[in-house]
Amino acid sequence: MSTYDTTLGLAVELTEAKLLELIESAYPNPVTVEELAVQHGWDADAVNKTLTTLQEKGLVQALEHGAFTRAGQADTNVQVCFFYS
């Protein structure tokens, strides 16, 4: 599936609104294209294209290492941290 998420047998279309919802629910933790694609069964290129559109609209902010977070005036010092176990 390229633009659908199978959660509990329900298909969820990859949309700008869905990505904004996921990014907002992950805040303050940034998310990557790869995380979103793998977790929701979406095509990484489709996720990247949608995030780029959201970034152009000023709704999300690109960070280091391909991560994204919500855009906000107070979010000027967000750092990406990786934890490995």
C-alpha atoms as a PDB file:
ATOM      1  CA  MET A   1       0.000   0.000   0.000  1.00  0.00           C
ATOM      2  CA  SER A   2       1.433   3.321  -0.943  1.00  0.00           C
ATOM      3  CA  THR A   3      -0.958   5.870   0.524  1.00  0.00           C
ATOM      4  CA  TYR A   4      -2.907   3.883   3.088  1.00  0.00           C
ATOM      5  CA  ASP A   5      -2.304   2.884   6.695  1.00  0.00           C
ATOM      6  CA  THR A   6      -3.715  -0.418   7.901  1.00  0.00           C
ATOM      7  CA  THR A   7      -4.601   0.009  11.544  1.00  0.00           C
ATOM      8  CA  LEU A   8      -6.997  -2.537  13.007  1.00  0.00           C
ATOM      9  CA  GLY A   9      -7.980  -3.519   9.490  1.00  0.00           C
ATOM     10  CA  LEU A  10      -8.945   0.020   8.518  1.00  0.00           C
ATOM     11  CA  ALA A  11      -7.243   1.823   5.674  1.00  0.00           C
ATOM     12  CA  VAL A  12      -6.217   5.393   6.476  1.00  0.00           C
ATOM     13  CA  GLU A  13      -5.268   7.540   3.524  1.00  0.00           C
ATOM     14  CA  LEU A  14      -2.029   9.504   3.640  1.00  0.00           C
ATOM     15  CA  THR A  15      -3.160  13.128   3.698  1.00  0.00           C
ATOM     16  CA  GLU A  16      -1.729  16.427   4.860  1.00  0.00           C
ATOM     17  CA  ALA A  17      -4.233  16.420   7.728  1.00  0.00           C
ATOM     18  CA  LYS A  18      -3.207  12.914   8.830  1.00  0.00           C
ATOM     19  CA  LEU A  19       0.491  13.816   8.802  1.00  0.00           C
ATOM     20  CA  LEU A  20      -0.180  16.981  10.786  1.00  0.00           C
ATOM     21  CA  GLU A  21      -2.137  14.917  13.318  1.00  0.00           C
ATOM     22  CA  LEU A  22       0.726  12.418  13.679  1.00  0.00           C
ATOM     23  CA  ILE A  23       3.370  15.143  13.971  1.00  0.00           C
ATOM     24  CA  GLU A  24       1.284  16.993  16.552  1.00  0.00           C
ATOM     25  CA  SER A  25       0.715  13.831  18.593  1.00  0.00           C
ATOM     26  CA  ALA A  26       4.458  13.080  18.568  1.00  0.00           C
ATOM     27  CA  TYR A  27       5.389  16.616  19.672  1.00  0.00           C
ATOM     28  CA  PRO A  28       7.852  17.547  21.134  1.00  0.00           C
ATOM     29  CA  ASN A  29       9.541  14.521  19.583  1.00  0.00           C
ATOM     30  CA  PRO A  30      10.361  14.923  15.893  1.00  0.00           C
ATOM     31  CA  VAL A  31       9.465  12.194  13.407  1.00  0.00           C
ATOM     32  CA  THR A  32      11.279  11.071  10.276  1.00  0.00           C
ATOM     33  CA  VAL A  33       9.957  10.154   6.847  1.00  0.00           C
ATOM     34  CA  GLU A  34      11.192   6.609   7.405  1.00  0.00           C
ATOM     35  CA  GLU A  35       9.419   6.268  10.776  1.00  0.00           C
ATOM     36  CA  LEU A  36       6.131   7.482   9.348  1.00  0.00           C
ATOM     37  CA  ALA A  37       6.414   5.271   6.267  1.00  0.00           C
ATOM     38  CA  VAL A  38       7.310   2.115   8.195  1.00  0.00           C
ATOM     39  CA  GLN A  39       4.839   2.609  11.043  1.00  0.00           C
ATOM     40  CA  HIS A  40       1.907   3.287   8.738  1.00  0.00           C
ATOM     41  CA  GLY A  41       2.769   1.234   5.651  1.00  0.00           C
ATOM     42  CA  TRP A  42       3.029   4.291   3.439  1.00  0.00           C
ATOM     43  CA  ASP A  43       5.433   4.881   0.578  1.00  0.00           C
ATOM     44  CA  ALA A  44       8.395   6.954   1.824  1.00  0.00           C
ATOM     45  CA  ASP A  45       8.413   9.105  -1.333  1.00  0.00           C
ATOM     46  CA  ALA A  46       4.720   9.945  -0.847  1.00  0.00           C
ATOM     47  CA  VAL A  47       5.359  10.847   2.812  1.00  0.00           C
ATOM     48  CA  ASN A  48       8.327  13.019   1.832  1.00  0.00           C
ATOM     49  CA  LYS A  49       6.329  14.803  -0.872  1.00  0.00           C
ATOM     50  CA  THR A  50       3.469  15.518   1.538  1.00  0.00           C
ATOM     51  CA  LEU A  51       5.855  16.766   4.245  1.00  0.00           C
ATOM     52  CA  THR A  52       7.550  19.039   1.708  1.00  0.00           C
ATOM     53  CA  THR A  53       4.158  20.526   0.839  1.00  0.00           C
ATOM     54  CA  LEU A  54       3.420  21.064   4.542  1.00  0.00           C
ATOM     55  CA  GLN A  55       6.841  22.675   4.986  1.00  0.00           C
ATOM     56  CA  GLU A  56       6.208  25.028   2.053  1.00  0.00           C
ATOM     57  CA  LYS A  57       2.921  26.023   3.742  1.00  0.00           C
ATOM     58  CA  GLY A  58       4.826  26.763   6.962  1.00  0.00           C
ATOM     59  CA  LEU A  59       3.016  24.045   8.934  1.00  0.00           C
ATOM     60  CA  VAL A  60       5.980  21.759   9.667  1.00  0.00           C
ATOM     61  CA  GLN A  61       9.667  22.403  10.214  1.00  0.00           C
ATOM     62  CA  ALA A  62      12.502  20.295   8.838  1.00  0.00           C
ATOM     63  CA  LEU A  63      15.229  19.428  11.342  1.00  0.00           C
ATOM     64  CA  GLU A  64      18.557  17.612  11.218  1.00  0.00           C
ATOM     65  CA  HIS A  65      18.789  14.003  10.052  1.00  0.00           C
ATOM     66  CA  GLY A  66      15.592  14.146   7.998  1.00  0.00           C
ATOM     67  CA  ALA A  67      13.324  14.730  10.984  1.00  0.00           C
ATOM     68  CA  PHE A  68      10.248  16.948  11.059  1.00  0.00           C
ATOM     69  CA  THR A  69       8.274  18.667  13.808  1.00  0.00           C
ATOM     70  CA  ARG A  70       5.381  21.103  13.926  1.00  0.00           C
ATOM     71  CA  ALA A  71       6.217  24.672  12.997  1.00  0.00           C
ATOM     72  CA  GLY A  72       5.832  27.207  15.727  1.00  0.00           C
ATOM     73  CA  GLN A  73       7.210  30.550  16.740  1.00  0.00           C
ATOM     74  CA  ALA A  74       8.392  29.235  20.107  1.00  0.00           C
ATOM     75  CA  ASP A  75      10.115  26.190  18.586  1.00  0.00           C
ATOM     76  CA  THR A  76      13.417  27.827  17.772  1.00  0.00           C
ATOM     77  CA  ASN A  77      15.696  25.507  19.724  1.00  0.00           C
ATOM     78  CA  VAL A  78      14.492  21.968  18.971  1.00  0.00           C
ATOM     79  CA  GLN A  79      17.237  19.343  18.976  1.00  0.00           C
ATOM     80  CA  VAL A  80      17.061  15.864  17.503  1.00  0.00           C
ATOM     81  CA  CYS A  81      18.168  13.155  19.941  1.00  0.00           C
ATOM     82  CA  PHE A  82      18.550   9.493  19.072  1.00  0.00           C
ATOM     83  CA  PHE A  83      18.411   6.792  21.729  1.00  0.00           C
ATOM     84  CA  TYR A  84      19.767   3.345  21.011  1.00  0.00           C
ATOM     85  CA  SER A  85      19.230   0.348  23.186  1.00  0.00           C
END
